[in-house]
Amino acid sequence: MTFFKQTDLAEKELLPGCRVRFVHSENLTIAYWTFDAGTVLPEHNHPHEQVMNLVEGDFELTVAGEVRRMSPGEGAVIAPDVLHAGRAVTDARVIDVFYPVREDYR
């Protein structure tokens, strides 16, 4: 896939109030998340490096026990295997980039 339109990508609901569309390249995964206000992303970790970008709304992100309320234009770099969690304070849109590819999301 060279070109894509986000709205043409299949949308999945991974948790109640949490929808996502994925793009997978040979080396990385990009996730376009939409969270309803109040949606909680439980604490978890994975072997992938993650770069989180908040596009719209307010989102509370916890990384390795540090809590940050984020606004659009803010982001975070999450190292592999670090515990993290999130909560959509308002409706929110997030773009995550994962390296290497998230095979579990294919």
N, C-alpha and C. Protein backbone atom coordinates (compact mmCIF):
# COMPACT_ATOMS: atom_id res chain seq x y z
N MET A 1 0.86 -1.17 0.00
CA MET A 1 0.00 0.00 0.00
C MET A 1 0.90 1.23 0.00
N THR A 2 0.85 2.02 -1.04
CA THR A 2 1.62 3.24 -1.11
C THR A 2 0.81 4.42 -0.60
N PHE A 3 -0.41 4.55 -1.07
CA PHE A 3 -1.28 5.65 -0.66
C PHE A 3 -2.49 5.08 0.06
N PHE A 4 -3.03 5.84 0.99
CA PHE A 4 -4.24 5.40 1.68
C PHE A 4 -5.03 6.62 2.12
N LYS A 5 -6.30 6.38 2.36
CA LYS A 5 -7.19 7.39 2.93
C LYS A 5 -7.70 6.81 4.25
N GLN A 6 -7.53 7.55 5.34
CA GLN A 6 -7.89 7.01 6.65
C GLN A 6 -9.31 6.46 6.69
N THR A 7 -10.25 7.17 6.08
CA THR A 7 -11.64 6.73 6.13
C THR A 7 -11.88 5.43 5.35
N ASP A 8 -10.95 5.05 4.48
CA ASP A 8 -11.08 3.79 3.75
C ASP A 8 -10.51 2.60 4.52
N LEU A 9 -9.79 2.87 5.61
CA LEU A 9 -9.22 1.80 6.42
C LEU A 9 -10.29 1.18 7.30
N ALA A 10 -10.23 -0.12 7.49
CA ALA A 10 -11.21 -0.80 8.34
C ALA A 10 -11.10 -0.29 9.77
N GLU A 11 -12.24 0.03 10.36
CA GLU A 11 -12.25 0.50 11.75
C GLU A 11 -12.60 -0.66 12.67
N LYS A 12 -11.86 -0.76 13.77
CA LYS A 12 -12.10 -1.81 14.76
C LYS A 12 -12.38 -1.16 16.11
N GLU A 13 -13.24 -1.77 16.90
CA GLU A 13 -13.46 -1.31 18.27
C GLU A 13 -12.74 -2.30 19.18
N LEU A 14 -11.60 -1.85 19.74
CA LEU A 14 -10.79 -2.74 20.57
C LEU A 14 -11.28 -2.79 22.01
N LEU A 15 -11.85 -1.69 22.47
CA LEU A 15 -12.46 -1.59 23.80
C LEU A 15 -13.73 -0.76 23.63
N PRO A 16 -14.69 -0.88 24.53
CA PRO A 16 -15.85 0.00 24.44
C PRO A 16 -15.39 1.47 24.48
N GLY A 17 -15.82 2.25 23.49
CA GLY A 17 -15.44 3.66 23.43
C GLY A 17 -14.09 3.93 22.81
N CYS A 18 -13.48 2.90 22.22
CA CYS A 18 -12.13 3.02 21.65
C CYS A 18 -12.10 2.37 20.27
N ARG A 19 -12.04 3.21 19.24
CA ARG A 19 -12.01 2.72 17.87
C ARG A 19 -10.67 3.07 17.22
N VAL A 20 -10.24 2.23 16.27
CA VAL A 20 -8.91 2.43 15.69
C VAL A 20 -8.88 1.97 14.24
N ARG A 21 -8.03 2.62 13.47
CA ARG A 21 -7.72 2.22 12.08
C ARG A 21 -6.20 2.08 12.01
N PHE A 22 -5.74 1.01 11.36
CA PHE A 22 -4.30 0.72 11.32
C PHE A 22 -3.73 0.81 9.92
N VAL A 23 -2.47 1.25 9.85
CA VAL A 23 -1.64 1.14 8.65
C VAL A 23 -0.39 0.40 9.08
N HIS A 24 -0.06 -0.66 8.36
CA HIS A 24 1.14 -1.45 8.65
C HIS A 24 2.08 -1.35 7.46
N SER A 25 3.32 -0.97 7.74
CA SER A 25 4.35 -1.02 6.70
C SER A 25 5.24 -2.22 7.00
N GLU A 26 6.33 -2.32 6.31
CA GLU A 26 7.26 -3.42 6.56
C GLU A 26 7.88 -3.31 7.95
N ASN A 27 8.04 -2.08 8.47
CA ASN A 27 8.79 -1.88 9.71
C ASN A 27 8.01 -1.28 10.88
N LEU A 28 6.84 -0.71 10.62
CA LEU A 28 6.14 -0.04 11.72
C LEU A 28 4.64 -0.11 11.52
N THR A 29 3.93 0.26 12.59
CA THR A 29 2.47 0.33 12.57
C THR A 29 2.06 1.73 13.00
N ILE A 30 1.10 2.31 12.29
CA ILE A 30 0.50 3.57 12.68
C ILE A 30 -0.95 3.28 13.05
N ALA A 31 -1.35 3.80 14.21
CA ALA A 31 -2.71 3.61 14.70
C ALA A 31 -3.39 4.96 14.82
N TYR A 32 -4.58 5.08 14.22
CA TYR A 32 -5.41 6.28 14.30
C TYR A 32 -6.56 5.97 15.25
N TRP A 33 -6.45 6.45 16.50
CA TRP A 33 -7.40 6.13 17.55
C TRP A 33 -8.45 7.23 17.68
N THR A 34 -9.68 6.82 18.01
CA THR A 34 -10.75 7.72 18.41
C THR A 34 -11.28 7.21 19.74
N PHE A 35 -11.22 8.07 20.76
CA PHE A 35 -11.69 7.71 22.10
C PHE A 35 -12.89 8.55 22.47
N ASP A 36 -13.92 7.91 23.02
CA ASP A 36 -15.04 8.64 23.60
C ASP A 36 -14.62 9.14 24.98
N ALA A 37 -15.15 10.29 25.39
CA ALA A 37 -14.85 10.83 26.71
C ALA A 37 -15.09 9.78 27.79
N GLY A 38 -14.15 9.67 28.71
CA GLY A 38 -14.28 8.74 29.82
C GLY A 38 -13.71 7.36 29.56
N THR A 39 -13.34 7.07 28.32
CA THR A 39 -12.79 5.75 28.00
C THR A 39 -11.45 5.57 28.70
N VAL A 40 -11.28 4.41 29.33
CA VAL A 40 -10.04 4.09 30.05
C VAL A 40 -9.27 3.04 29.28
N LEU A 41 -8.01 3.32 29.04
CA LEU A 41 -7.09 2.36 28.43
C LEU A 41 -6.31 1.73 29.59
N PRO A 42 -6.56 0.46 29.92
CA PRO A 42 -5.94 -0.15 31.09
C PRO A 42 -4.40 -0.17 30.98
N GLU A 43 -3.77 -0.23 32.14
CA GLU A 43 -2.31 -0.30 32.18
C GLU A 43 -1.83 -1.54 31.44
N HIS A 44 -0.81 -1.35 30.62
CA HIS A 44 -0.27 -2.46 29.83
C HIS A 44 1.16 -2.11 29.39
N ASN A 45 1.82 -3.05 28.80
CA ASN A 45 3.12 -2.81 28.17
C ASN A 45 3.24 -3.73 26.97
N HIS A 46 4.24 -3.47 26.14
CA HIS A 46 4.49 -4.28 24.94
C HIS A 46 5.94 -4.07 24.54
N PRO A 47 6.48 -4.96 23.72
CA PRO A 47 7.90 -4.87 23.35
C PRO A 47 8.20 -3.83 22.27
N HIS A 48 7.21 -3.01 21.92
CA HIS A 48 7.38 -2.03 20.84
C HIS A 48 7.69 -0.66 21.40
N GLU A 49 8.52 0.10 20.70
CA GLU A 49 8.68 1.51 21.00
C GLU A 49 7.41 2.20 20.46
N GLN A 50 6.91 3.19 21.19
CA GLN A 50 5.66 3.86 20.81
C GLN A 50 5.86 5.37 20.89
N VAL A 51 5.41 6.06 19.86
CA VAL A 51 5.36 7.52 19.89
C VAL A 51 3.89 7.91 19.80
N MET A 52 3.39 8.58 20.85
CA MET A 52 1.99 8.95 20.96
C MET A 52 1.85 10.44 20.64
N ASN A 53 0.87 10.78 19.80
CA ASN A 53 0.60 12.16 19.41
C ASN A 53 -0.87 12.46 19.63
N LEU A 54 -1.17 13.43 20.49
CA LEU A 54 -2.56 13.82 20.71
C LEU A 54 -2.95 14.86 19.67
N VAL A 55 -3.98 14.53 18.88
CA VAL A 55 -4.42 15.39 17.79
C VAL A 55 -5.58 16.27 18.21
N GLU A 56 -6.47 15.71 19.02
CA GLU A 56 -7.71 16.43 19.38
C GLU A 56 -8.18 15.98 20.75
N GLY A 57 -8.70 16.92 21.55
CA GLY A 57 -9.26 16.59 22.85
C GLY A 57 -8.23 16.67 23.97
N ASP A 58 -8.64 16.24 25.15
CA ASP A 58 -7.76 16.17 26.32
C ASP A 58 -7.63 14.71 26.72
N PHE A 59 -6.41 14.30 27.03
CA PHE A 59 -6.12 12.90 27.32
C PHE A 59 -5.14 12.84 28.48
N GLU A 60 -5.42 11.96 29.43
CA GLU A 60 -4.53 11.76 30.56
C GLU A 60 -3.71 10.51 30.29
N LEU A 61 -2.40 10.66 30.22
CA LEU A 61 -1.50 9.55 29.93
C LEU A 61 -0.62 9.30 31.14
N THR A 62 -0.50 8.04 31.53
CA THR A 62 0.39 7.64 32.62
C THR A 62 1.48 6.76 32.03
N VAL A 63 2.73 7.16 32.22
CA VAL A 63 3.87 6.39 31.72
C VAL A 63 4.82 6.15 32.89
N ALA A 64 5.05 4.88 33.21
CA ALA A 64 5.95 4.50 34.31
C ALA A 64 5.57 5.25 35.60
N GLY A 65 4.27 5.37 35.86
CA GLY A 65 3.79 6.00 37.08
C GLY A 65 3.66 7.52 37.01
N GLU A 66 4.18 8.16 35.98
CA GLU A 66 4.08 9.61 35.84
C GLU A 66 2.82 9.95 35.05
N VAL A 67 1.95 10.78 35.65
CA VAL A 67 0.68 11.15 35.03
C VAL A 67 0.80 12.53 34.40
N ARG A 68 0.30 12.65 33.17
CA ARG A 68 0.33 13.94 32.48
C ARG A 68 -1.00 14.14 31.77
N ARG A 69 -1.64 15.29 32.01
CA ARG A 69 -2.84 15.63 31.24
C ARG A 69 -2.37 16.38 30.00
N MET A 70 -2.72 15.84 28.85
CA MET A 70 -2.19 16.33 27.59
C MET A 70 -3.25 17.07 26.79
N SER A 71 -2.79 18.02 25.99
CA SER A 71 -3.62 18.81 25.09
C SER A 71 -3.15 18.58 23.66
N PRO A 72 -3.96 18.94 22.67
CA PRO A 72 -3.56 18.74 21.27
C PRO A 72 -2.18 19.35 20.99
N GLY A 73 -1.40 18.60 20.22
CA GLY A 73 -0.04 19.02 19.88
C GLY A 73 1.01 18.45 20.80
N GLU A 74 0.58 17.81 21.89
CA GLU A 74 1.53 17.19 22.80
C GLU A 74 1.65 15.70 22.48
N GLY A 75 2.74 15.10 22.92
CA GLY A 75 2.96 13.69 22.66
C GLY A 75 3.89 13.09 23.69
N ALA A 76 4.22 11.83 23.49
CA ALA A 76 5.10 11.12 24.41
C ALA A 76 5.82 10.02 23.65
N VAL A 77 7.04 9.75 24.07
CA VAL A 77 7.80 8.61 23.57
C VAL A 77 7.81 7.58 24.69
N ILE A 78 7.30 6.40 24.39
CA ILE A 78 7.19 5.33 25.38
C ILE A 78 8.14 4.21 24.97
N ALA A 79 9.11 3.95 25.81
CA ALA A 79 10.12 2.93 25.52
C ALA A 79 9.49 1.53 25.58
N PRO A 80 10.11 0.56 24.92
CA PRO A 80 9.60 -0.81 24.97
C PRO A 80 9.48 -1.32 26.41
N ASP A 81 8.44 -2.09 26.67
CA ASP A 81 8.19 -2.78 27.94
C ASP A 81 7.87 -1.88 29.12
N VAL A 82 7.66 -0.58 28.91
CA VAL A 82 7.31 0.34 29.99
C VAL A 82 5.80 0.33 30.20
N LEU A 83 5.37 0.21 31.45
CA LEU A 83 3.94 0.22 31.76
C LEU A 83 3.36 1.60 31.48
N HIS A 84 2.19 1.61 30.85
CA HIS A 84 1.50 2.86 30.55
C HIS A 84 0.00 2.62 30.48
N ALA A 85 -0.76 3.70 30.65
CA ALA A 85 -2.22 3.64 30.65
C ALA A 85 -2.74 5.00 30.20
N GLY A 86 -4.04 5.07 29.90
CA GLY A 86 -4.59 6.34 29.46
C GLY A 86 -6.06 6.47 29.81
N ARG A 87 -6.53 7.72 29.73
CA ARG A 87 -7.94 8.01 29.94
C ARG A 87 -8.31 9.22 29.11
N ALA A 88 -9.36 9.09 28.32
CA ALA A 88 -9.85 10.22 27.53
C ALA A 88 -10.66 11.12 28.44
N VAL A 89 -10.14 12.31 28.72
CA VAL A 89 -10.85 13.27 29.55
C VAL A 89 -12.05 13.82 28.77
N THR A 90 -11.84 14.07 27.48
CA THR A 90 -12.90 14.47 26.55
C THR A 90 -12.84 13.51 25.37
N ASP A 91 -13.75 13.65 24.41
CA ASP A 91 -13.56 12.91 23.16
C ASP A 91 -12.17 13.26 22.66
N ALA A 92 -11.44 12.27 22.14
CA ALA A 92 -10.05 12.52 21.77
C ALA A 92 -9.66 11.71 20.54
N ARG A 93 -8.70 12.26 19.79
CA ARG A 93 -8.09 11.54 18.66
C ARG A 93 -6.59 11.50 18.89
N VAL A 94 -6.03 10.31 18.72
CA VAL A 94 -4.61 10.06 18.97
C VAL A 94 -4.02 9.33 17.78
N ILE A 95 -2.80 9.68 17.41
CA ILE A 95 -2.04 8.92 16.42
C ILE A 95 -0.85 8.32 17.15
N ASP A 96 -0.74 7.00 17.08
CA ASP A 96 0.40 6.28 17.65
C ASP A 96 1.22 5.67 16.53
N VAL A 97 2.53 5.70 16.70
CA VAL A 97 3.45 5.01 15.80
C VAL A 97 4.19 3.97 16.64
N PHE A 98 4.20 2.72 16.17
CA PHE A 98 4.84 1.62 16.87
C PHE A 98 5.98 1.05 16.01
N TYR A 99 7.10 0.77 16.67
CA TYR A 99 8.22 0.10 15.99
C TYR A 99 8.69 -1.03 16.90
N PRO A 100 8.88 -2.23 16.37
CA PRO A 100 8.53 -2.67 15.03
C PRO A 100 7.02 -2.86 14.86
N VAL A 101 6.64 -3.45 13.76
CA VAL A 101 5.23 -3.67 13.42
C VAL A 101 4.51 -4.38 14.57
N ARG A 102 3.28 -3.94 14.84
CA ARG A 102 2.42 -4.62 15.84
C ARG A 102 1.72 -5.77 15.14
N GLU A 103 2.34 -6.93 15.14
CA GLU A 103 1.74 -8.11 14.50
C GLU A 103 0.41 -8.48 15.16
N ASP A 104 0.27 -8.17 16.46
CA ASP A 104 -0.97 -8.49 17.17
C ASP A 104 -2.13 -7.62 16.69
N TYR A 105 -1.86 -6.55 15.97
CA TYR A 105 -2.91 -5.68 15.45
C TYR A 105 -3.19 -5.93 13.97
N ARG A 106 -2.50 -6.83 13.33
CA ARG A 106 -2.75 -7.09 11.90
C ARG A 106 -4.10 -7.75 11.73
